[in-house]
Structures are given as C-alpha cells and as structure tokens.
Protein backbone atom coordinates (compact mmCIF):
# COMPACT_ATOMS: atom_id res chain seq x y z
CA UNK A 1 -17.94 -38.44 -7.02
CA UNK A 2 -19.69 -37.53 -10.59
CA UNK A 3 -18.31 -35.04 -13.29
CA UNK A 4 -20.79 -32.77 -11.74
CA UNK A 5 -19.82 -32.71 -8.41
CA UNK A 6 -16.00 -32.37 -9.18
CA UNK A 7 -16.78 -29.54 -11.45
CA UNK A 8 -18.66 -27.63 -8.79
CA UNK A 9 -15.80 -28.58 -6.08
CA UNK A 10 -13.33 -27.27 -8.50
CA UNK A 11 -15.78 -24.06 -9.43
CA UNK A 12 -16.03 -23.53 -5.79
CA UNK A 13 -12.50 -23.55 -4.85
CA UNK A 14 -11.45 -21.56 -7.38
CA UNK A 15 -14.07 -18.84 -6.56
CA UNK A 16 -12.72 -18.98 -3.05
CA UNK A 17 -8.84 -18.58 -4.14
CA UNK A 18 -10.14 -15.65 -6.13
CA UNK A 19 -12.11 -14.22 -3.45
CA UNK A 20 -9.02 -14.68 -0.99
CA UNK A 21 -6.55 -13.42 -3.50
CA UNK A 22 -8.85 -10.02 -4.10
CA UNK A 23 -9.43 -9.66 -0.15
CA UNK A 24 -5.60 -9.94 0.05
CA UNK A 25 -4.98 -7.14 -2.74
CA UNK A 26 -7.41 -4.94 -1.16
CA UNK A 27 -6.87 -5.16 2.30
CA UNK A 28 -4.19 -2.97 2.77
CA UNK A 29 -5.34 0.07 1.32
CA UNK A 30 -8.31 2.66 2.90
CA UNK A 31 -10.05 5.18 1.15
CA UNK A 32 -12.68 8.27 1.39
CA UNK A 33 -13.71 10.85 -0.85
CA UNK A 34 -10.42 13.02 -0.28
CA UNK A 35 -7.68 10.80 0.40
CA UNK A 36 -6.00 7.19 0.56
CA UNK A 37 -3.82 5.33 2.65
CA UNK A 38 -1.83 2.26 1.38
CA UNK A 39 0.76 -0.14 3.52
CA UNK A 40 3.38 -1.01 1.60
CA UNK A 41 4.40 -4.26 -0.03
CA UNK A 42 6.46 -5.48 3.62
CA UNK A 43 3.67 -3.88 5.87
CA UNK A 44 6.81 -1.80 7.07
CA UNK A 45 5.71 1.53 5.53
CA UNK A 46 2.61 3.52 4.58
CA UNK A 47 1.94 6.37 2.38
CA UNK A 48 -0.80 9.01 1.99
CA UNK A 49 -2.06 9.95 -0.90
CA UNK A 50 -4.91 12.26 -2.16
CA UNK A 51 -8.02 11.52 -4.36
CA UNK A 52 -5.60 13.39 -7.69
CA UNK A 53 -3.25 10.57 -6.48
CA UNK A 54 -0.85 13.32 -5.51
CA UNK A 55 1.54 11.83 -2.74
CA UNK A 56 1.44 13.68 0.38
CA UNK A 57 3.89 11.84 2.41
CA UNK A 58 5.24 8.18 2.74
CA UNK A 59 6.81 6.92 6.34
CA UNK A 60 7.67 4.23 8.56
CA UNK A 61 7.06 3.96 12.39
CA UNK A 62 9.87 3.92 14.88
CA UNK A 63 10.51 3.84 18.71
CA UNK A 64 13.42 4.68 20.75
CA UNK A 65 14.07 1.53 23.19
CA UNK A 66 16.27 1.42 25.72
CA UNK A 67 18.37 4.50 24.04
CA UNK A 68 18.21 2.66 20.47
CA UNK A 69 15.85 3.42 17.55
CA UNK A 70 14.02 0.85 16.28
CA UNK A 71 11.88 1.21 13.04
CA UNK A 72 9.41 -1.21 11.46
CA UNK A 73 11.65 -1.41 8.53
CA UNK A 74 14.25 -3.04 10.85
CA UNK A 75 11.61 -6.22 11.35
CA UNK A 76 11.53 -9.15 9.37
CA UNK A 77 8.11 -9.84 9.91
CA UNK A 78 5.25 -7.19 9.83
CA UNK A 79 1.58 -8.66 9.17
CA UNK A 80 -1.71 -6.44 8.71
CA UNK A 81 -5.42 -6.86 9.32
CA UNK A 82 -8.33 -4.57 8.08
CA UNK A 83 -11.48 -3.61 10.64
CA UNK A 84 -13.94 -1.04 11.17
CA UNK A 85 -14.01 1.58 13.64
CA UNK A 86 -16.20 4.01 15.56
CA UNK A 87 -15.50 6.98 17.78
CA UNK A 88 -16.63 10.41 18.42
CA UNK A 89 -15.42 11.77 15.06
CA UNK A 90 -17.41 9.22 13.12
CA UNK A 91 -16.76 5.83 11.70
CA UNK A 92 -14.23 4.31 9.28
CA UNK A 93 -12.06 1.48 8.64
CA UNK A 94 -8.36 0.76 10.03
CA UNK A 95 -5.54 -1.48 9.04
CA UNK A 96 -3.45 -2.92 12.22
CA UNK A 97 0.08 -3.47 11.25
CA UNK A 98 2.25 -5.56 14.06
CA UNK A 99 6.26 -5.96 13.22
CA UNK A 100 7.53 -8.41 15.28
CA UNK A 101 10.68 -11.06 15.21
CA UNK A 102 13.09 -8.85 15.88
CA UNK A 103 15.95 -10.44 18.27
CA UNK A 104 15.40 -9.31 21.97
CA UNK A 105 13.20 -6.27 20.99
CA UNK A 106 9.37 -5.71 21.35
CA UNK A 107 6.97 -5.86 18.57
CA UNK A 108 5.85 -2.16 17.18
CA UNK A 109 2.26 -1.91 15.98
CA UNK A 110 0.89 0.52 14.41
CA UNK A 111 -2.77 1.35 13.46
CA UNK A 112 -3.86 3.40 10.45
CA UNK A 113 -7.78 4.86 10.74
CA UNK A 114 -9.42 5.98 7.82
CA UNK A 115 -13.08 7.94 8.44
CA UNK A 116 -16.06 7.35 6.00
CA UNK A 117 -17.60 10.74 5.98
CA UNK A 118 -14.12 12.90 6.98
CA UNK A 119 -11.26 13.96 5.01
CA UNK A 120 -8.72 13.05 7.58
CA UNK A 121 -7.82 9.85 9.35
CA UNK A 122 -5.32 8.80 12.29
CA UNK A 123 -2.10 6.98 12.85
CA UNK A 124 -1.10 5.59 16.36
CA UNK A 125 2.10 3.95 17.11
CA UNK A 126 2.44 1.37 20.30
CA UNK A 127 4.95 -1.05 21.56
CA UNK A 128 4.23 -4.40 22.75
CA UNK A 129 6.90 -5.61 25.08
CA UNK A 130 7.30 -9.63 24.48
CA UNK A 131 10.44 -10.04 25.64
CA UNK A 132 11.42 -11.17 29.15
CA UNK A 133 12.95 -7.95 30.40
CA UNK A 134 12.13 -4.49 31.14
CA UNK A 135 12.10 -1.76 28.78
CA UNK A 136 12.39 2.16 28.73
CA UNK A 137 10.94 3.76 26.03
CA UNK A 138 12.08 7.38 25.25
CA UNK A 139 10.19 8.50 22.42
CA UNK A 140 7.48 7.42 19.61
CA UNK A 141 7.70 8.75 16.47
CA UNK A 142 4.43 7.63 13.82
CA UNK A 143 5.94 9.84 10.68
C-alpha cells in the first residue's frame, strides 16, 4: 500500500466515522416549522419543545401490566430508530423506541411521529410480549 492509498483509506474511515457520529447525534430529534420532539439520552423519555425553545412537556411512557405499572425508565435498555412515514394527514418522520431487558416483563415500544407540513404529531405506545407467559394489560399511558 503506498502513502496515497493509506491517506485515502484513513480519510475515508474518518469521513464515515464522522457521518455516523452526526447521524447518531441528530437521529433522536424531529423538527417541523412549529415543534420539535427529542428523545432523552437513554431513550427512556421524550420532550416536546416549541420552535421558540419553550418546553411544552417532558414525559415517559408506561403500561399497567398484571396490576403493576411498568415505566420506560424502569428498563435497562432502550434503542431508537428514525424513519419516514405517510398517512391520510400527510408525510413526516418518526422515531421508534424499543425498551427491553426488564426481567420477566414485556417490552415497551413507543413511536413518536412529527408531520412535515403540520404543527402536530402523534405518539403511540405498544406492549410487545416476549415473555413465556400470557399477560393482562389494564392501561397504557403515553404522557
């Protein structure tokens, strides 16, 4: 390998690493003309902010399962992924957060959607049962 090839390889690696870093920094925030929603450091909470940077609210999600409340902040691991969506109200971006790893408990999954051309979004919370036994869900809270 000559010096030019080594330099190009190192430069390409540095650029890829930089791109991955930028993607990870911005992957947990959605913004439109009026609102911004961001996912917390450990993806266990989310907050809604106006474009003037005024906090509207900060929240976690929870579900009452078998008469016991389980909150997103109880889980040791929450992972997020960003994608596009489209429905009858328009197109936008969404962040799906899956919280898992709590012994004997199902996963909590929440999806935060922000519309591109509208001053609103949605949040959906799901319970994904990966346990070996049946569960009973009494309530689900998104806020």
